[in-house]
Amino acid sequence: MYQEKKMESAPQDKVSYTGLVNYLTGIIEQEFRMIISQHNGESIIKRRMWKEICDYIKVNDIPYISDSRINVYEKMMEIYPIRNRISHGEFISLEEYHLVKNISLEMQLLDFISWAKIHYEDVVEHKQSHLKA
């Protein structure tokens, strides 16, 4: 987190963590859109909002997400109000940034997302190889 390291030297009242959180939540949101589309067998990635993604995760069995060691739905809902404020142009605190960073990196949400993506890519490759055979 190069940007975070650079911010350490800036006066705390002059630092905005909004961009860093916007970046992390943007990745999470886009990756889940892709995973849900793949899970549904959709060829086009549909635009789904954060709450819609959370609701989907809560009721659908997604490999590596549903059986992860953290409750992904609950963690996504923890991030939801922070992400919503950012999308409406509000600033967030250092503590809120640390919460999002902790869930994304230390609790490995981004890892679980990556494993789910690999799972669905393997499924697609498997289907394509059978079609060619």
Protein backbone atom coordinates (compact mmCIF):
# COMPACT_ATOMS: atom_id res chain seq x y z
CA MET A 1 0.00 0.00 0.00
CA TYR A 2 2.32 2.61 -1.36
CA GLN A 3 -0.22 5.43 -1.01
CA GLU A 4 -0.81 4.58 2.64
CA LYS A 5 2.93 4.69 3.33
CA LYS A 6 3.22 8.10 1.64
CA MET A 7 0.32 9.40 3.74
CA GLU A 8 2.05 8.59 7.01
CA SER A 9 4.28 11.65 6.63
CA ALA A 10 1.37 14.02 5.92
CA PRO A 11 -0.46 15.82 8.73
CA GLN A 12 -3.48 13.67 9.66
CA ASP A 13 -5.93 16.53 9.26
CA LYS A 14 -4.78 16.91 5.63
CA VAL A 15 -5.09 13.24 4.66
CA SER A 16 -8.06 11.70 2.86
CA TYR A 17 -8.41 7.95 3.01
CA THR A 18 -11.48 8.15 0.80
CA GLY A 19 -9.53 7.35 -2.38
CA LEU A 20 -7.90 4.27 -0.89
CA VAL A 21 -11.21 2.89 0.36
CA ASN A 22 -12.90 3.75 -2.93
CA TYR A 23 -10.19 1.77 -4.71
CA LEU A 24 -10.56 -1.30 -2.46
CA THR A 25 -14.36 -1.30 -2.51
CA GLY A 26 -14.35 -0.76 -6.28
CA ILE A 27 -12.27 -3.90 -6.74
CA ILE A 28 -14.51 -5.90 -4.40
CA GLU A 29 -17.67 -4.72 -6.12
CA GLN A 30 -16.44 -5.37 -9.65
CA GLU A 31 -15.04 -8.80 -8.80
CA PHE A 32 -18.30 -9.86 -7.14
CA ARG A 33 -20.26 -8.68 -10.19
CA MET A 34 -18.10 -10.98 -12.30
CA ILE A 35 -18.40 -13.91 -9.87
CA ILE A 36 -22.20 -13.60 -9.64
CA SER A 37 -22.52 -13.39 -13.42
CA GLN A 38 -20.35 -16.50 -13.78
CA HIS A 39 -22.31 -18.26 -11.02
CA ASN A 40 -25.54 -17.51 -12.92
CA GLY A 41 -24.05 -18.56 -16.27
CA GLU A 42 -24.45 -15.06 -17.69
CA SER A 43 -22.18 -14.10 -20.57
CA ILE A 44 -22.48 -10.38 -19.81
CA ILE A 45 -21.46 -8.95 -16.43
CA LYS A 46 -24.54 -7.24 -15.02
CA ARG A 47 -24.28 -4.04 -13.04
CA ARG A 48 -25.21 -4.87 -9.47
CA MET A 49 -25.13 -2.45 -6.57
CA TRP A 50 -23.32 -3.26 -3.29
CA LYS A 51 -26.52 -4.12 -1.36
CA GLU A 52 -27.74 -6.31 -4.21
CA ILE A 53 -24.38 -8.13 -4.16
CA CYS A 54 -24.65 -8.61 -0.39
CA ASP A 55 -28.18 -9.97 -0.66
CA TYR A 56 -27.08 -12.39 -3.37
CA ILE A 57 -24.15 -13.63 -1.29
CA LYS A 58 -26.44 -14.19 1.68
CA VAL A 59 -28.80 -16.59 -0.12
CA ASN A 60 -26.62 -18.27 -2.76
CA ASP A 61 -23.95 -20.91 -2.31
CA ILE A 62 -20.79 -19.54 -3.96
CA PRO A 63 -17.61 -21.64 -3.75
CA TYR A 64 -14.91 -20.12 -1.52
CA ILE A 65 -17.30 -17.34 -0.46
CA SER A 66 -20.07 -19.25 1.29
CA ASP A 67 -17.66 -21.62 3.00
CA SER A 68 -14.92 -19.12 3.90
CA ARG A 69 -13.66 -18.78 7.46
CA ILE A 70 -15.29 -15.35 7.71
CA ASN A 71 -18.94 -14.50 7.16
CA VAL A 72 -18.51 -12.63 3.88
CA TYR A 73 -22.07 -11.29 3.96
CA GLU A 74 -21.56 -9.76 7.42
CA LYS A 75 -18.19 -8.25 6.47
CA MET A 76 -19.63 -6.79 3.26
CA MET A 77 -22.45 -5.26 5.29
CA GLU A 78 -19.87 -3.73 7.67
CA ILE A 79 -18.25 -2.04 4.69
CA TYR A 80 -21.57 -1.02 3.11
CA PRO A 81 -22.23 2.25 5.01
CA ILE A 82 -18.63 3.40 4.48
CA ARG A 83 -18.75 2.60 0.78
CA ASN A 84 -22.12 4.35 0.50
CA ARG A 85 -20.80 7.54 2.08
CA ILE A 86 -17.85 7.57 -0.31
CA SER A 87 -20.15 7.15 -3.31
CA HIS A 88 -22.06 10.22 -2.12
CA GLY A 89 -18.90 12.32 -1.87
CA GLU A 90 -18.34 12.14 1.87
CA PHE A 91 -14.98 11.63 3.54
CA ILE A 92 -14.11 8.80 5.87
CA SER A 93 -11.89 8.50 8.90
CA LEU A 94 -8.61 6.69 9.40
CA GLU A 95 -10.45 4.12 11.56
CA GLU A 96 -12.95 3.41 8.79
CA TYR A 97 -10.10 2.99 6.33
CA HIS A 98 -8.44 0.49 8.69
CA LEU A 99 -11.71 -1.45 8.99
CA VAL A 100 -12.04 -1.81 5.20
CA LYS A 101 -8.35 -2.62 4.81
CA ASN A 102 -8.53 -5.23 7.59
CA ILE A 103 -11.53 -6.98 6.06
CA SER A 104 -10.09 -6.81 2.54
CA LEU A 105 -6.53 -7.87 3.29
CA GLU A 106 -5.96 -9.27 6.79
CA MET A 107 -9.28 -11.19 6.88
CA GLN A 108 -8.51 -12.22 3.28
CA LEU A 109 -11.75 -11.16 1.58
CA LEU A 110 -9.79 -10.41 -1.59
CA ASP A 111 -8.19 -13.87 -1.40
CA PHE A 112 -11.59 -15.58 -1.15
CA ILE A 113 -12.78 -13.54 -4.12
CA SER A 114 -9.72 -14.61 -6.14
CA TRP A 115 -10.26 -18.27 -5.32
CA ALA A 116 -13.91 -18.02 -6.36
CA LYS A 117 -12.89 -16.41 -9.66
CA ILE A 118 -10.35 -19.19 -10.30
CA HIS A 119 -13.05 -21.77 -9.57
CA TYR A 120 -15.39 -20.30 -12.17
CA GLU A 121 -12.62 -19.85 -14.73
CA ASP A 122 -11.74 -23.53 -14.27
CA VAL A 123 -15.42 -24.46 -14.80
CA VAL A 124 -15.52 -22.46 -18.05
CA GLU A 125 -12.23 -23.99 -19.27
CA HIS A 126 -13.54 -27.46 -18.44
CA LYS A 127 -16.75 -26.86 -20.41
CA GLN A 128 -14.82 -25.47 -23.38
CA SER A 129 -12.40 -28.40 -23.44
CA HIS A 130 -15.34 -30.84 -23.52
CA LEU A 131 -16.90 -28.92 -26.38
CA LYS A 132 -13.69 -29.22 -28.41
CA ALA A 133 -13.34 -32.96 -27.73
